[in-house]
Amino acid sequence: MCAVAAVVAFVLPATSSQAVSGGDNALGDTRVVALIVRQNPRMPRCSAVVIKPKVVVTAAHCVAAENGKANALEFTPAQLAVSKPGVSINTDAITTRARVLQVIMPSGYVNSWNPAVGDMSAQQDDIAFIILDRAISNLSFPIANIDEIAQLKALQKPITHLGYGLQSANMLDGSPHSLRLIANTKGASRYGIYNHASEVNTLSTHDTATESLCAGDSGGPWFATIDGVEKLVAISTGGDGCLDTPSGASGILGTAISPYLDLLAKITKR
């Protein structure tokens, strides 16, 4: 499985020729949805996860204007839609998709990417809450808090990633896929002083020799078992590319969800 959005959000750029096979088909898995630009209805823009019947979470860079700041959008909400959980977007009924009414981003989000001058702010507060015109799922998932996220890092626990990204070079099958990677002890600080995202609000996982994330899975959810309970932990926001190193030393960065829930509560009661 490959993943992370069509918008550049990687610490190092990736090319489609670097995409690799890996992971499992997750068709029917209710833990993931696709974010779609309505003018291109059979192509996933990004991935996302439902946290309330009419609210999904994705990466802010999936909807933000290039080199923009919070609430500067590349698309109007009316141009976006969200699929039912776990469907094939090649065959689902487009009428069952929810339309987007509102996009909410943290004020600290900056979509800036200029590694030549040490500016890698694309992952800074890289999260967006999307308000829908209808409920697409009645499921909800417990969300890991900051202490639990620190525990995942310290113990290097396995984390399940889901998303609608590439499965091999230049190949999308319209279905979600999943893979299991191991948590790194660090989040954004893993990438040094050039990544400006909060260490506390981020975590990362290791690629393996056969599995990685690349184009299409930004915003896809991360799940982990904590004290015997499966919890929603984060969403994918960036990475080193599709297996940049044969040893699997590259990895994926995620933005934790729990630190931003107060923002959602302030703006909407949905």
C-alpha atoms as a PDB file:
ATOM      1  CA  MET A   1       0.000   0.000   0.000  1.00  0.00           C
ATOM      2  CA  CYS A   2       1.228   3.471  -0.771  1.00  0.00           C
ATOM      3  CA  ALA A   3       0.006   6.708   0.638  1.00  0.00           C
ATOM      4  CA  VAL A   4       0.141  10.398   1.271  1.00  0.00           C
ATOM      5  CA  ALA A   5      -1.689  12.939  -0.751  1.00  0.00           C
ATOM      6  CA  ALA A   6      -1.477  14.399  -4.182  1.00  0.00           C
ATOM      7  CA  VAL A   7      -0.473  17.622  -2.415  1.00  0.00           C
ATOM      8  CA  VAL A   8       3.226  17.465  -1.492  1.00  0.00           C
ATOM      9  CA  ALA A   9       3.517  16.738   2.203  1.00  0.00           C
ATOM     10  CA  PHE A  10       6.564  14.543   2.328  1.00  0.00           C
ATOM     11  CA  VAL A  11       9.810  15.445   3.981  1.00  0.00           C
ATOM     12  CA  LEU A  12      11.436  14.222   0.788  1.00  0.00           C
ATOM     13  CA  PRO A  13       9.693  14.167  -2.605  1.00  0.00           C
ATOM     14  CA  ALA A  14       8.529  10.835  -3.988  1.00  0.00           C
ATOM     15  CA  THR A  15       7.951   9.686  -7.527  1.00  0.00           C
ATOM     16  CA  SER A  16       5.385   7.149  -8.665  1.00  0.00           C
ATOM     17  CA  SER A  17       8.148   4.797  -9.760  1.00  0.00           C
ATOM     18  CA  GLN A  18       9.067   4.388  -6.100  1.00  0.00           C
ATOM     19  CA  ALA A  19       5.645   3.080  -5.165  1.00  0.00           C
ATOM     20  CA  VAL A  20       5.608  -0.468  -3.823  1.00  0.00           C
ATOM     21  CA  SER A  21       3.122  -3.202  -3.101  1.00  0.00           C
ATOM     22  CA  GLY A  22       2.197  -4.000   0.463  1.00  0.00           C
ATOM     23  CA  GLY A  23      -0.684  -4.093   2.884  1.00  0.00           C
ATOM     24  CA  ASP A  24      -4.109  -5.665   2.632  1.00  0.00           C
ATOM     25  CA  ASN A  25      -7.288  -4.781   0.813  1.00  0.00           C
ATOM     26  CA  ALA A  26      -9.665  -3.152   3.306  1.00  0.00           C
ATOM     27  CA  LEU A  27     -12.824  -2.991   1.212  1.00  0.00           C
ATOM     28  CA  GLY A  28     -15.743  -2.777   3.631  1.00  0.00           C
ATOM     29  CA  ASP A  29     -13.611  -1.502   6.522  1.00  0.00           C
ATOM     30  CA  THR A  30     -15.740   1.129   8.274  1.00  0.00           C
ATOM     31  CA  ARG A  31     -12.753   2.939   9.749  1.00  0.00           C
ATOM     32  CA  VAL A  32     -11.846   4.915   6.627  1.00  0.00           C
ATOM     33  CA  VAL A  33     -13.541   7.143   4.032  1.00  0.00           C
ATOM     34  CA  ALA A  34     -12.379   8.858   0.847  1.00  0.00           C
ATOM     35  CA  LEU A  35     -12.232  12.619   0.321  1.00  0.00           C
ATOM     36  CA  ILE A  36     -13.093  13.360  -3.309  1.00  0.00           C
ATOM     37  CA  VAL A  37     -13.111  16.409  -5.561  1.00  0.00           C
ATOM     38  CA  ARG A  38     -16.544  16.187  -7.145  1.00  0.00           C
ATOM     39  CA  GLN A  39     -15.395  17.094 -10.661  1.00  0.00           C
ATOM     40  CA  ASN A  40     -13.217  13.952 -10.624  1.00  0.00           C
ATOM     41  CA  PRO A  41     -15.610  11.561  -8.878  1.00  0.00           C
ATOM     42  CA  ARG A  42     -13.719   8.281  -9.280  1.00  0.00           C
ATOM     43  CA  MET A  43     -10.351   9.543  -8.022  1.00  0.00           C
ATOM     44  CA  PRO A  44      -9.556   9.884  -4.300  1.00  0.00           C
ATOM     45  CA  ARG A  45      -8.101  13.225  -3.334  1.00  0.00           C
ATOM     46  CA  CYS A  46      -7.176  11.991   0.145  1.00  0.00           C
ATOM     47  CA  SER A  47      -8.379   9.708   2.908  1.00  0.00           C
ATOM     48  CA  ALA A  48     -10.230  10.564   6.115  1.00  0.00           C
ATOM     49  CA  VAL A  49     -12.006   9.111   9.146  1.00  0.00           C
ATOM     50  CA  VAL A  50     -15.451   9.690  10.661  1.00  0.00           C
ATOM     51  CA  ILE A  51     -15.391  10.935  14.272  1.00  0.00           C
ATOM     52  CA  LYS A  52     -19.058  11.988  14.443  1.00  0.00           C
ATOM     53  CA  PRO A  53     -21.921  11.154  12.054  1.00  0.00           C
ATOM     54  CA  LYS A  54     -21.472  14.466  10.184  1.00  0.00           C
ATOM     55  CA  VAL A  55     -17.807  15.170  10.937  1.00  0.00           C
ATOM     56  CA  VAL A  56     -14.679  13.671   9.376  1.00  0.00           C
ATOM     57  CA  VAL A  57     -10.997  14.388   9.991  1.00  0.00           C
ATOM     58  CA  THR A  58      -8.348  14.625   7.293  1.00  0.00           C
ATOM     59  CA  ALA A  59      -5.038  16.385   6.667  1.00  0.00           C
ATOM     60  CA  ALA A  60      -5.314  20.144   6.220  1.00  0.00           C
ATOM     61  CA  HIS A  61      -3.023  20.079   3.194  1.00  0.00           C
ATOM     62  CA  CYS A  62      -5.646  17.969   1.403  1.00  0.00           C
ATOM     63  CA  VAL A  63      -7.915  21.018   1.176  1.00  0.00           C
ATOM     64  CA  ALA A  64      -5.641  24.008   1.804  1.00  0.00           C
ATOM     65  CA  ALA A  65      -4.362  26.360  -0.846  1.00  0.00           C
ATOM     66  CA  GLU A  66      -0.768  25.813  -1.870  1.00  0.00           C
ATOM     67  CA  ASN A  67       1.543  27.995   0.211  1.00  0.00           C
ATOM     68  CA  GLY A  68      -1.528  29.123   2.129  1.00  0.00           C
ATOM     69  CA  LYS A  69      -2.463  29.534   5.755  1.00  0.00           C
ATOM     70  CA  ALA A  70      -5.373  28.311   7.869  1.00  0.00           C
ATOM     71  CA  ASN A  71      -8.732  28.520   6.115  1.00  0.00           C
ATOM     72  CA  ALA A  72      -7.184  29.511   2.777  1.00  0.00           C
ATOM     73  CA  LEU A  73      -8.660  26.705   0.685  1.00  0.00           C
ATOM     74  CA  GLU A  74      -7.763  25.242  -2.685  1.00  0.00           C
ATOM     75  CA  PHE A  75     -11.363  24.071  -3.103  1.00  0.00           C
ATOM     76  CA  THR A  76     -14.643  25.559  -2.016  1.00  0.00           C
ATOM     77  CA  PRO A  77     -16.526  23.204   0.319  1.00  0.00           C
ATOM     78  CA  ALA A  78     -19.136  22.655  -2.405  1.00  0.00           C
ATOM     79  CA  GLN A  79     -16.454  21.148  -4.655  1.00  0.00           C
ATOM     80  CA  LEU A  80     -15.735  18.344  -2.161  1.00  0.00           C
ATOM     81  CA  ALA A  81     -17.511  15.147  -1.169  1.00  0.00           C
ATOM     82  CA  VAL A  82     -16.893  12.280   1.233  1.00  0.00           C
ATOM     83  CA  SER A  83     -17.677   8.629   0.514  1.00  0.00           C
ATOM     84  CA  LYS A  84     -19.416   6.144   2.733  1.00  0.00           C
ATOM     85  CA  PRO A  85     -16.923   4.193   4.872  1.00  0.00           C
ATOM     86  CA  GLY A  86     -14.965   1.394   3.232  1.00  0.00           C
ATOM     87  CA  VAL A  87     -16.569   1.552  -0.212  1.00  0.00           C
ATOM     88  CA  SER A  88     -14.938   1.230  -3.606  1.00  0.00           C
ATOM     89  CA  ILE A  89     -15.066   4.687  -5.130  1.00  0.00           C
ATOM     90  CA  ASN A  90     -14.915   3.025  -8.546  1.00  0.00           C
ATOM     91  CA  THR A  91     -18.358   1.495  -8.071  1.00  0.00           C
ATOM     92  CA  ASP A  92     -20.170   3.248  -5.193  1.00  0.00           C
ATOM     93  CA  ALA A  93     -23.331   5.229  -5.854  1.00  0.00           C
ATOM     94  CA  ILE A  94     -22.241   8.861  -6.044  1.00  0.00           C
ATOM     95  CA  THR A  95     -25.611   9.904  -4.599  1.00  0.00           C
ATOM     96  CA  THR A  96     -24.661   8.218  -1.312  1.00  0.00           C
ATOM     97  CA  ARG A  97     -21.702  10.552  -0.795  1.00  0.00           C
ATOM     98  CA  ALA A  98     -22.003  13.450   1.596  1.00  0.00           C
ATOM     99  CA  ARG A  99     -21.274  16.976   0.472  1.00  0.00           C
ATOM    100  CA  VAL A 100     -18.936  19.220   2.410  1.00  0.00           C
ATOM    101  CA  LEU A 101     -20.434  22.257   4.130  1.00  0.00           C
ATOM    102  CA  GLN A 102     -17.490  23.600   6.116  1.00  0.00           C
ATOM    103  CA  VAL A 103     -13.757  23.071   6.634  1.00  0.00           C
ATOM    104  CA  ILE A 104     -12.201  23.890  10.028  1.00  0.00           C
ATOM    105  CA  MET A 105      -8.419  24.213  10.459  1.00  0.00           C
ATOM    106  CA  PRO A 106      -6.214  25.200  13.411  1.00  0.00           C
ATOM    107  CA  SER A 107      -5.020  28.798  13.272  1.00  0.00           C
ATOM    108  CA  GLY A 108      -1.417  27.576  13.407  1.00  0.00           C
ATOM    109  CA  TYR A 109      -1.615  25.653  10.143  1.00  0.00           C
ATOM    110  CA  VAL A 110       0.803  26.815   7.446  1.00  0.00           C
ATOM    111  CA  ASN A 111       1.118  25.081   4.083  1.00  0.00           C
ATOM    112  CA  SER A 112       4.657  26.093   3.194  1.00  0.00           C
ATOM    113  CA  TRP A 113       7.321  23.885   1.627  1.00  0.00           C
ATOM    114  CA  ASN A 114      10.796  25.154   0.810  1.00  0.00           C
ATOM    115  CA  PRO A 115      13.425  22.697   2.068  1.00  0.00           C
ATOM    116  CA  ALA A 116      16.214  24.755   0.477  1.00  0.00           C
ATOM    117  CA  VAL A 117      15.759  27.336   3.221  1.00  0.00           C
ATOM    118  CA  GLY A 118      14.775  24.873   5.931  1.00  0.00           C
ATOM    119  CA  ASP A 119      11.047  25.583   5.733  1.00  0.00           C
ATOM    120  CA  MET A 120       8.988  22.387   6.065  1.00  0.00           C
ATOM    121  CA  SER A 121       5.847  23.819   7.624  1.00  0.00           C
ATOM    122  CA  ALA A 122       3.425  21.711   5.609  1.00  0.00           C
ATOM    123  CA  GLN A 123       2.963  19.369   8.585  1.00  0.00           C
ATOM    124  CA  GLN A 124       2.516  22.133  11.183  1.00  0.00           C
ATOM    125  CA  ASP A 125      -0.962  21.694  12.738  1.00  0.00           C
ATOM    126  CA  ASP A 126      -1.768  19.701   9.601  1.00  0.00           C
ATOM    127  CA  ILE A 127      -5.304  18.610  10.412  1.00  0.00           C
ATOM    128  CA  ALA A 128      -8.770  19.642   9.256  1.00  0.00           C
ATOM    129  CA  PHE A 129     -12.275  18.871  10.470  1.00  0.00           C
ATOM    130  CA  ILE A 130     -14.842  18.614   7.690  1.00  0.00           C
ATOM    131  CA  ILE A 131     -18.528  19.201   8.369  1.00  0.00           C
ATOM    132  CA  LEU A 132     -20.892  17.259   6.121  1.00  0.00           C
ATOM    133  CA  ASP A 133     -24.434  17.873   4.944  1.00  0.00           C
ATOM    134  CA  ARG A 134     -25.551  14.425   6.090  1.00  0.00           C
ATOM    135  CA  ALA A 135     -24.484  11.588   8.340  1.00  0.00           C
ATOM    136  CA  ILE A 136     -22.430   8.958   6.560  1.00  0.00           C
ATOM    137  CA  SER A 137     -21.854   6.667   9.553  1.00  0.00           C
ATOM    138  CA  ASN A 138     -23.177   6.267  13.066  1.00  0.00           C
ATOM    139  CA  LEU A 139     -19.951   4.648  14.255  1.00  0.00           C
ATOM    140  CA  SER A 140     -17.540   6.427  16.569  1.00  0.00           C
ATOM    141  CA  PHE A 141     -14.115   5.461  17.835  1.00  0.00           C
ATOM    142  CA  PRO A 142     -12.402   6.240  21.141  1.00  0.00           C
ATOM    143  CA  ILE A 143      -9.608   8.716  20.481  1.00  0.00           C
ATOM    144  CA  ALA A 144      -6.189   8.333  22.092  1.00  0.00           C
ATOM    145  CA  ASN A 145      -5.125  11.159  24.382  1.00  0.00           C
ATOM    146  CA  ILE A 146      -1.680  12.747  24.573  1.00  0.00           C
ATOM    147  CA  ASP A 147      -0.474  10.437  27.352  1.00  0.00           C
ATOM    148  CA  GLU A 148      -1.558   7.375  25.369  1.00  0.00           C
ATOM    149  CA  ILE A 149       0.213   8.677  22.282  1.00  0.00           C
ATOM    150  CA  ALA A 150       3.391   9.160  24.311  1.00  0.00           C
ATOM    151  CA  GLN A 151       3.002   5.560  25.470  1.00  0.00           C
ATOM    152  CA  LEU A 152       2.748   4.306  21.882  1.00  0.00           C
ATOM    153  CA  LYS A 153       5.998   6.106  21.057  1.00  0.00           C
ATOM    154  CA  ALA A 154       7.864   4.938  24.134  1.00  0.00           C
ATOM    155  CA  LEU A 155       6.862   1.298  23.681  1.00  0.00           C
ATOM    156  CA  GLN A 156       7.121   1.363  19.872  1.00  0.00           C
ATOM    157  CA  LYS A 157       3.728  -0.253  19.470  1.00  0.00           C
ATOM    158  CA  PRO A 158       2.215  -1.418  16.158  1.00  0.00           C
ATOM    159  CA  ILE A 159      -0.123   1.017  14.411  1.00  0.00           C
ATOM    160  CA  THR A 160      -2.643   0.196  11.681  1.00  0.00           C
ATOM    161  CA  HIS A 161      -2.856   2.700   8.811  1.00  0.00           C
ATOM    162  CA  LEU A 162      -5.776   2.913   6.394  1.00  0.00           C
ATOM    163  CA  GLY A 163      -6.221   4.853   3.188  1.00  0.00           C
ATOM    164  CA  TYR A 164      -7.219   5.057  -0.456  1.00  0.00           C
ATOM    165  CA  GLY A 165      -3.733   5.600  -1.882  1.00  0.00           C
ATOM    166  CA  LEU A 166      -1.660   3.781  -4.477  1.00  0.00           C
ATOM    167  CA  GLN A 167      -1.173   0.036  -4.177  1.00  0.00           C
ATOM    168  CA  SER A 168       1.698  -0.113  -6.682  1.00  0.00           C
ATOM    169  CA  ALA A 169       3.336   2.197  -9.172  1.00  0.00           C
ATOM    170  CA  ASN A 170       0.671   4.240 -10.991  1.00  0.00           C
ATOM    171  CA  MET A 171      -2.081   1.899  -9.823  1.00  0.00           C
ATOM    172  CA  LEU A 172      -5.235   2.788  -7.889  1.00  0.00           C
ATOM    173  CA  ASP A 173      -7.977   0.200  -7.457  1.00  0.00           C
ATOM    174  CA  GLY A 174     -10.530   2.489  -5.799  1.00  0.00           C
ATOM    175  CA  SER A 175     -10.558   0.469  -2.575  1.00  0.00           C
ATOM    176  CA  PRO A 176      -9.090   1.316   0.819  1.00  0.00           C
ATOM    177  CA  HIS A 177      -6.055  -0.636   1.975  1.00  0.00           C
ATOM    178  CA  SER A 178      -4.443  -1.199   5.350  1.00  0.00           C
ATOM    179  CA  LEU A 179      -1.016  -1.976   6.675  1.00  0.00           C
ATOM    180  CA  ARG A 180       0.605  -2.295  10.087  1.00  0.00           C
ATOM    181  CA  LEU A 181       3.776  -0.374  10.926  1.00  0.00           C
ATOM    182  CA  ILE A 182       5.717   0.193  14.150  1.00  0.00           C
ATOM    183  CA  ALA A 183       5.701   3.468  16.057  1.00  0.00           C
ATOM    184  CA  ASN A 184       8.925   5.427  16.259  1.00  0.00           C
ATOM    185  CA  THR A 185      10.006   6.906  19.582  1.00  0.00           C
ATOM    186  CA  LYS A 186       9.767  10.364  17.987  1.00  0.00           C
ATOM    187  CA  GLY A 187       7.260  12.370  16.006  1.00  0.00           C
ATOM    188  CA  ALA A 188       8.186  15.540  14.121  1.00  0.00           C
ATOM    189  CA  SER A 189      11.517  15.813  15.946  1.00  0.00           C
ATOM    190  CA  ARG A 190      12.602  12.712  14.048  1.00  0.00           C
ATOM    191  CA  TYR A 191      13.145  15.003  11.062  1.00  0.00           C
ATOM    192  CA  GLY A 192      15.312  17.506  12.935  1.00  0.00           C
ATOM    193  CA  ILE A 193      15.060  21.260  13.166  1.00  0.00           C
ATOM    194  CA  TYR A 194      13.647  21.587   9.667  1.00  0.00           C
ATOM    195  CA  ASN A 195      10.206  20.258  10.559  1.00  0.00           C
ATOM    196  CA  HIS A 196       8.265  22.793  12.596  1.00  0.00           C
ATOM    197  CA  ALA A 197       5.381  20.616  13.740  1.00  0.00           C
ATOM    198  CA  SER A 198       4.837  20.014  17.457  1.00  0.00           C
ATOM    199  CA  GLU A 199       6.574  16.914  18.798  1.00  0.00           C
ATOM    200  CA  VAL A 200       3.812  16.352  21.364  1.00  0.00           C
ATOM    201  CA  ASN A 201       1.082  16.543  18.726  1.00  0.00           C
ATOM    202  CA  THR A 202       2.774  14.215  16.237  1.00  0.00           C
ATOM    203  CA  LEU A 203       4.008  10.652  15.972  1.00  0.00           C
ATOM    204  CA  SER A 204       5.640   8.591  13.253  1.00  0.00           C
ATOM    205  CA  THR A 205       6.039   5.013  12.089  1.00  0.00           C
ATOM    206  CA  HIS A 206       8.729   3.042  10.248  1.00  0.00           C
ATOM    207  CA  ASP A 207       8.380   1.774   6.725  1.00  0.00           C
ATOM    208  CA  THR A 208       9.306  -1.855   6.188  1.00  0.00           C
ATOM    209  CA  ALA A 209      11.135  -3.496   3.307  1.00  0.00           C
ATOM    210  CA  THR A 210       7.813  -4.123   1.532  1.00  0.00           C
ATOM    211  CA  GLU A 211       5.272  -1.654   2.939  1.00  0.00           C
ATOM    212  CA  SER A 212       5.100   2.121   2.921  1.00  0.00           C
ATOM    213  CA  LEU A 213       2.747   5.043   2.371  1.00  0.00           C
ATOM    214  CA  CYS A 214       2.815   7.400  -0.612  1.00  0.00           C
ATOM    215  CA  ALA A 215       0.376   9.314  -2.831  1.00  0.00           C
ATOM    216  CA  GLY A 216      -3.316   9.301  -1.860  1.00  0.00           C
ATOM    217  CA  ASP A 217      -3.369   8.345   1.815  1.00  0.00           C
ATOM    218  CA  SER A 218      -2.887  11.727   3.460  1.00  0.00           C
ATOM    219  CA  GLY A 219      -5.597  12.136   6.063  1.00  0.00           C
ATOM    220  CA  GLY A 220      -5.935   8.372   6.466  1.00  0.00           C
ATOM    221  CA  PRO A 221      -6.522   7.191  10.037  1.00  0.00           C
ATOM    222  CA  TRP A 222      -4.076   5.463  12.363  1.00  0.00           C
ATOM    223  CA  PHE A 223      -5.433   2.963  14.882  1.00  0.00           C
ATOM    224  CA  ALA A 224      -3.639   1.284  17.778  1.00  0.00           C
ATOM    225  CA  THR A 225      -4.589  -1.029  20.629  1.00  0.00           C
ATOM    226  CA  ILE A 226      -4.019   0.701  23.952  1.00  0.00           C
ATOM    227  CA  ASP A 227      -4.669  -1.215  27.186  1.00  0.00           C
ATOM    228  CA  GLY A 228      -6.753  -3.705  25.230  1.00  0.00           C
ATOM    229  CA  VAL A 229      -8.914  -1.089  23.452  1.00  0.00           C
ATOM    230  CA  GLU A 230      -8.550  -0.110  19.807  1.00  0.00           C
ATOM    231  CA  LYS A 231      -8.318   3.678  19.571  1.00  0.00           C
ATOM    232  CA  LEU A 232      -8.081   6.240  16.806  1.00  0.00           C
ATOM    233  CA  VAL A 233      -4.692   7.887  17.175  1.00  0.00           C
ATOM    234  CA  ALA A 234      -3.790  10.186  14.276  1.00  0.00           C
ATOM    235  CA  ILE A 235      -4.092  10.942  10.573  1.00  0.00           C
ATOM    236  CA  SER A 236      -1.318  10.668   7.972  1.00  0.00           C
ATOM    237  CA  THR A 237       0.285  13.976   7.036  1.00  0.00           C
ATOM    238  CA  GLY A 238       3.689  13.282   5.484  1.00  0.00           C
ATOM    239  CA  GLY A 239       6.671  11.023   5.083  1.00  0.00           C
ATOM    240  CA  ASP A 240       9.978  10.319   3.394  1.00  0.00           C
ATOM    241  CA  GLY A 241       8.463   8.913   0.216  1.00  0.00           C
ATOM    242  CA  CYS A 242       7.698   5.402  -0.911  1.00  0.00           C
ATOM    243  CA  LEU A 243      10.488   3.343   0.606  1.00  0.00           C
ATOM    244  CA  ASP A 244      13.245   5.876   0.014  1.00  0.00           C
ATOM    245  CA  THR A 245      15.733   3.438   1.514  1.00  0.00           C
ATOM    246  CA  PRO A 246      15.792  -0.347   0.958  1.00  0.00           C
ATOM    247  CA  SER A 247      16.411  -0.853   4.674  1.00  0.00           C
ATOM    248  CA  GLY A 248      13.018   0.573   5.562  1.00  0.00           C
ATOM    249  CA  ALA A 249      14.557   3.472   7.466  1.00  0.00           C
ATOM    250  CA  SER A 250      12.103   5.952   5.996  1.00  0.00           C
ATOM    251  CA  GLY A 251       8.726   6.515   7.563  1.00  0.00           C
ATOM    252  CA  ILE A 252       5.450   8.369   7.898  1.00  0.00           C
ATOM    253  CA  LEU A 253       4.474  11.364  10.033  1.00  0.00           C
ATOM    254  CA  GLY A 254       1.019  11.661  11.580  1.00  0.00           C
ATOM    255  CA  THR A 255      -0.881  14.424  13.357  1.00  0.00           C
ATOM    256  CA  ALA A 256      -2.587  13.350  16.582  1.00  0.00           C
ATOM    257  CA  ILE A 257      -6.319  14.113  16.688  1.00  0.00           C
ATOM    258  CA  SER A 258      -7.020  14.616  20.404  1.00  0.00           C
ATOM    259  CA  PRO A 259      -5.078  17.906  20.820  1.00  0.00           C
ATOM    260  CA  TYR A 260      -7.394  19.572  18.295  1.00  0.00           C
ATOM    261  CA  LEU A 261     -10.790  18.407  19.516  1.00  0.00           C
ATOM    262  CA  ASP A 262     -11.319  21.614  21.530  1.00  0.00           C
ATOM    263  CA  LEU A 263     -11.155  23.554  18.264  1.00  0.00           C
ATOM    264  CA  LEU A 264     -14.009  21.487  16.849  1.00  0.00           C
ATOM    265  CA  ALA A 265     -16.031  21.886  20.047  1.00  0.00           C
ATOM    266  CA  LYS A 266     -15.678  25.671  19.966  1.00  0.00           C
ATOM    267  CA  ILE A 267     -16.965  25.982  16.429  1.00  0.00           C
ATOM    268  CA  THR A 268     -19.677  23.354  16.198  1.00  0.00           C
ATOM    269  CA  LYS A 269     -21.852  21.230  18.446  1.00  0.00           C
ATOM    270  CA  ARG A 270     -22.385  18.589  15.764  1.00  0.00           C
END
